[in-house]
């Protein structure tokens, strides 16, 4: 999404939301997550377009830096940004470094015991950790596509452990939807 101009971005958002709304007509689509955490805090127009399309919260800015994505200066916990609430994926802070613990490659690669401790540490800081998964992570035998070596290792490493780790998260935690998380942020007495 980083390379899209305003019109192309708006068209993609509108088209995507129309598809989702046709598939779930009784559900209000009020949350957004860009592929590869590809929104940028400095591009206010991206958030204006989301807001104009009924989006109330976003989870597209990852508060750690990789060679692919991220913003190491972004807040680690929910914050207001250009009229929306930004709800970042879980990270833990070490001196001089943040480590993601919310999903994707780190969920697949890191040991389950470490991830459990990291989530508890995040919760201790006052917020439920945002955990995300990709649908393809539940299909270890999905077709292999040609990827550069580094991306291929990231994509496939630990994929057979995803289902087990998600089942563990579901057993050990009180899981809520992002919409419920957003509602709770607005009214903590709920």
Protein backbone atom coordinates (compact mmCIF):
# COMPACT_ATOMS: atom_id res chain seq x y z
CA UNK A 1 0.00 0.00 0.00
CA UNK A 2 2.99 2.30 0.49
CA UNK A 3 3.45 2.85 -3.24
CA UNK A 4 -0.21 3.65 -3.98
CA UNK A 5 -1.37 7.19 -4.63
CA UNK A 6 -4.50 8.60 -3.01
CA UNK A 7 -6.93 7.66 -5.80
CA UNK A 8 -5.63 4.11 -6.19
CA UNK A 9 -5.60 3.63 -2.41
CA UNK A 10 -9.18 4.93 -2.12
CA UNK A 11 -10.33 2.65 -4.97
CA UNK A 12 -8.75 -0.43 -3.35
CA UNK A 13 -10.26 0.38 0.05
CA UNK A 14 -13.73 0.98 -1.40
CA UNK A 15 -13.59 -2.16 -3.55
CA UNK A 16 -12.39 -4.31 -0.63
CA UNK A 17 -15.03 -2.95 1.73
CA UNK A 18 -17.77 -3.51 -0.86
CA UNK A 19 -16.72 -7.16 -1.16
CA UNK A 20 -16.64 -7.65 2.62
CA UNK A 21 -19.99 -5.91 3.08
CA UNK A 22 -21.58 -8.10 0.40
CA UNK A 23 -20.26 -11.23 2.14
CA UNK A 24 -21.37 -10.11 5.63
CA UNK A 25 -24.27 -7.68 5.13
CA UNK A 26 -25.34 -7.80 8.78
CA UNK A 27 -21.85 -6.91 10.08
CA UNK A 28 -20.51 -3.38 10.27
CA UNK A 29 -17.01 -3.37 8.81
CA UNK A 30 -15.24 -0.81 11.02
CA UNK A 31 -11.68 -2.17 11.32
CA UNK A 32 -8.77 -2.28 8.89
CA UNK A 33 -5.40 -4.02 8.60
CA UNK A 34 -3.23 -3.28 5.57
CA UNK A 35 -1.10 -6.01 4.02
CA UNK A 36 2.43 -6.14 5.44
CA UNK A 37 1.63 -3.37 7.94
CA UNK A 38 1.99 -0.95 5.02
CA UNK A 39 0.32 2.25 6.23
CA UNK A 40 2.52 5.16 7.27
CA UNK A 41 1.77 7.49 10.18
CA UNK A 42 2.91 10.53 8.19
CA UNK A 43 0.40 9.88 5.38
CA UNK A 44 -2.69 11.44 6.94
CA UNK A 45 -4.62 11.02 3.70
CA UNK A 46 -4.55 7.20 4.11
CA UNK A 47 -6.36 7.52 7.44
CA UNK A 48 -8.73 10.16 6.06
CA UNK A 49 -9.79 7.71 3.33
CA UNK A 50 -10.30 4.92 5.86
CA UNK A 51 -12.37 7.21 8.08
CA UNK A 52 -14.46 8.40 5.08
CA UNK A 53 -15.27 4.73 4.43
CA UNK A 54 -16.57 4.08 7.94
CA UNK A 55 -13.39 2.67 9.48
CA UNK A 56 -13.01 3.43 13.20
CA UNK A 57 -9.79 1.58 14.05
CA UNK A 58 -6.73 0.32 12.25
CA UNK A 59 -3.96 -2.18 12.98
CA UNK A 60 -1.56 -1.46 10.12
CA UNK A 61 1.43 0.10 11.86
CA UNK A 62 3.77 -2.39 13.46
CA UNK A 63 5.84 -0.74 16.23
CA UNK A 64 9.09 -2.50 15.39
CA UNK A 65 11.41 -2.39 12.40
CA UNK A 66 12.27 -5.19 9.99
CA UNK A 67 13.80 -5.05 6.55
CA UNK A 68 10.27 -5.53 5.16
CA UNK A 69 8.10 -3.22 7.27
CA UNK A 70 7.62 -1.48 10.57
CA UNK A 71 8.01 1.81 12.39
CA UNK A 72 10.28 1.49 15.42
CA UNK A 73 9.13 4.91 16.66
CA UNK A 74 5.41 4.08 16.65
CA UNK A 75 3.73 3.64 20.04
CA UNK A 76 3.49 0.06 21.29
CA UNK A 77 0.00 0.45 22.74
CA UNK A 78 -3.27 1.79 21.24
CA UNK A 79 -3.26 5.48 20.37
CA UNK A 80 -5.23 8.03 18.36
CA UNK A 81 -3.92 8.79 14.89
CA UNK A 82 -5.54 11.11 12.35
CA UNK A 83 -9.05 10.54 13.69
CA UNK A 84 -8.78 6.75 14.08
CA UNK A 85 -7.65 4.49 16.90
CA UNK A 86 -4.48 2.63 15.96
CA UNK A 87 -4.25 -0.76 17.68
CA UNK A 88 -0.77 -2.18 17.05
CA UNK A 89 0.23 -5.85 17.19
CA UNK A 90 1.93 -6.95 20.40
CA UNK A 91 5.62 -6.23 20.90
CA UNK A 92 7.82 -6.40 23.95
CA UNK A 93 10.51 -3.87 24.75
CA UNK A 94 14.12 -4.70 25.45
CA UNK A 95 16.82 -2.07 25.95
CA UNK A 96 17.23 -0.53 22.51
CA UNK A 97 15.06 -3.10 20.72
CA UNK A 98 11.44 -4.15 20.28
CA UNK A 99 10.50 -7.69 19.44
CA UNK A 100 7.18 -8.62 17.83
CA UNK A 101 5.22 -11.36 19.58
CA UNK A 102 1.79 -10.94 17.99
CA UNK A 103 1.84 -13.23 14.98
CA UNK A 104 3.26 -13.99 11.58
CA UNK A 105 6.81 -15.29 11.44
CA UNK A 106 7.52 -14.76 15.13
CA UNK A 107 4.47 -16.80 16.10
CA UNK A 108 5.64 -19.63 13.85
CA UNK A 109 9.36 -19.46 14.67
CA UNK A 110 9.71 -18.60 18.37
CA UNK A 111 9.22 -21.25 21.07
CA UNK A 112 5.73 -21.41 22.57
CA UNK A 113 7.03 -20.93 26.14
CA UNK A 114 8.77 -17.69 25.12
CA UNK A 115 5.64 -16.39 23.34
CA UNK A 116 3.46 -17.19 26.38
CA UNK A 117 5.81 -15.27 28.69
CA UNK A 118 5.99 -12.37 26.25
CA UNK A 119 2.19 -12.11 26.02
CA UNK A 120 1.92 -12.15 29.82
CA UNK A 121 4.53 -9.41 30.05
CA UNK A 122 2.58 -7.35 27.52
CA UNK A 123 -0.65 -7.86 29.48
CA UNK A 124 1.15 -6.83 32.65
CA UNK A 125 1.80 -3.49 30.95
CA UNK A 126 -1.97 -2.94 30.84
CA UNK A 127 -3.30 -4.08 27.47
CA UNK A 128 -4.41 -7.35 25.92
CA UNK A 129 -1.92 -8.38 23.23
CA UNK A 130 -3.10 -8.20 19.64
CA UNK A 131 -2.50 -11.58 18.02
CA UNK A 132 -2.93 -12.09 14.28
CA UNK A 133 -2.66 -15.01 11.90
CA UNK A 134 -2.74 -15.50 8.16
CA UNK A 135 -5.24 -18.07 6.80
CA UNK A 136 -2.50 -19.84 4.84
CA UNK A 137 -0.66 -20.58 8.10
CA UNK A 138 -3.28 -23.25 8.84
CA UNK A 139 -2.51 -25.06 5.58
CA UNK A 140 1.10 -26.25 5.84
CA UNK A 141 0.78 -28.07 2.53
CA UNK A 142 -0.34 -24.99 0.55
CA UNK A 143 1.40 -24.63 -2.82
CA UNK A 144 4.95 -23.36 -2.74
CA UNK A 145 5.55 -20.22 -4.74
CA UNK A 146 8.89 -18.94 -5.95
CA UNK A 147 10.26 -16.58 -3.32
CA UNK A 148 13.72 -15.22 -2.62
CA UNK A 149 15.56 -17.46 -0.12
CA UNK A 150 15.18 -15.12 2.86
CA UNK A 151 11.42 -14.68 2.29
CA UNK A 152 10.97 -18.40 1.68
CA UNK A 153 12.62 -19.21 5.03
CA UNK A 154 10.42 -16.65 6.82
CA UNK A 155 7.29 -17.93 5.07
CA UNK A 156 7.77 -21.64 5.70
CA UNK A 157 9.73 -21.82 8.95
CA UNK A 158 7.60 -23.18 11.79
CA UNK A 159 4.42 -23.42 9.74
CA UNK A 160 3.57 -26.87 11.11
CA UNK A 161 3.47 -25.44 14.65
CA UNK A 162 0.94 -22.67 13.91
CA UNK A 163 -2.23 -24.61 14.64
CA UNK A 164 -0.88 -25.99 17.92
CA UNK A 165 0.27 -22.55 19.08
CA UNK A 166 -3.07 -20.94 18.21
CA UNK A 167 -4.93 -23.71 20.06
CA UNK A 168 -2.75 -23.00 23.10
CA UNK A 169 -3.50 -19.26 22.89
CA UNK A 170 -7.22 -20.00 22.66
CA UNK A 171 -7.09 -22.30 25.71
CA UNK A 172 -5.03 -19.98 27.90
CA UNK A 173 -6.58 -16.60 27.17
CA UNK A 174 -9.85 -14.72 27.18
CA UNK A 175 -10.02 -13.94 23.47
CA UNK A 176 -11.94 -10.90 22.25
CA UNK A 177 -12.49 -9.47 18.79
CA UNK A 178 -10.77 -6.32 17.62
CA UNK A 179 -14.15 -4.58 17.66
CA UNK A 180 -14.60 -5.53 21.33
CA UNK A 181 -11.05 -4.32 22.04
CA UNK A 182 -11.86 -1.00 20.36
CA UNK A 183 -15.14 -0.67 22.30
CA UNK A 184 -13.30 -1.38 25.56
CA UNK A 185 -10.70 1.30 24.77
CA UNK A 186 -13.51 3.83 24.36
CA UNK A 187 -15.39 2.68 27.47
CA UNK A 188 -13.14 0.74 29.89
CA UNK A 189 -16.06 0.17 32.30
CA UNK A 190 -17.73 -2.28 29.89
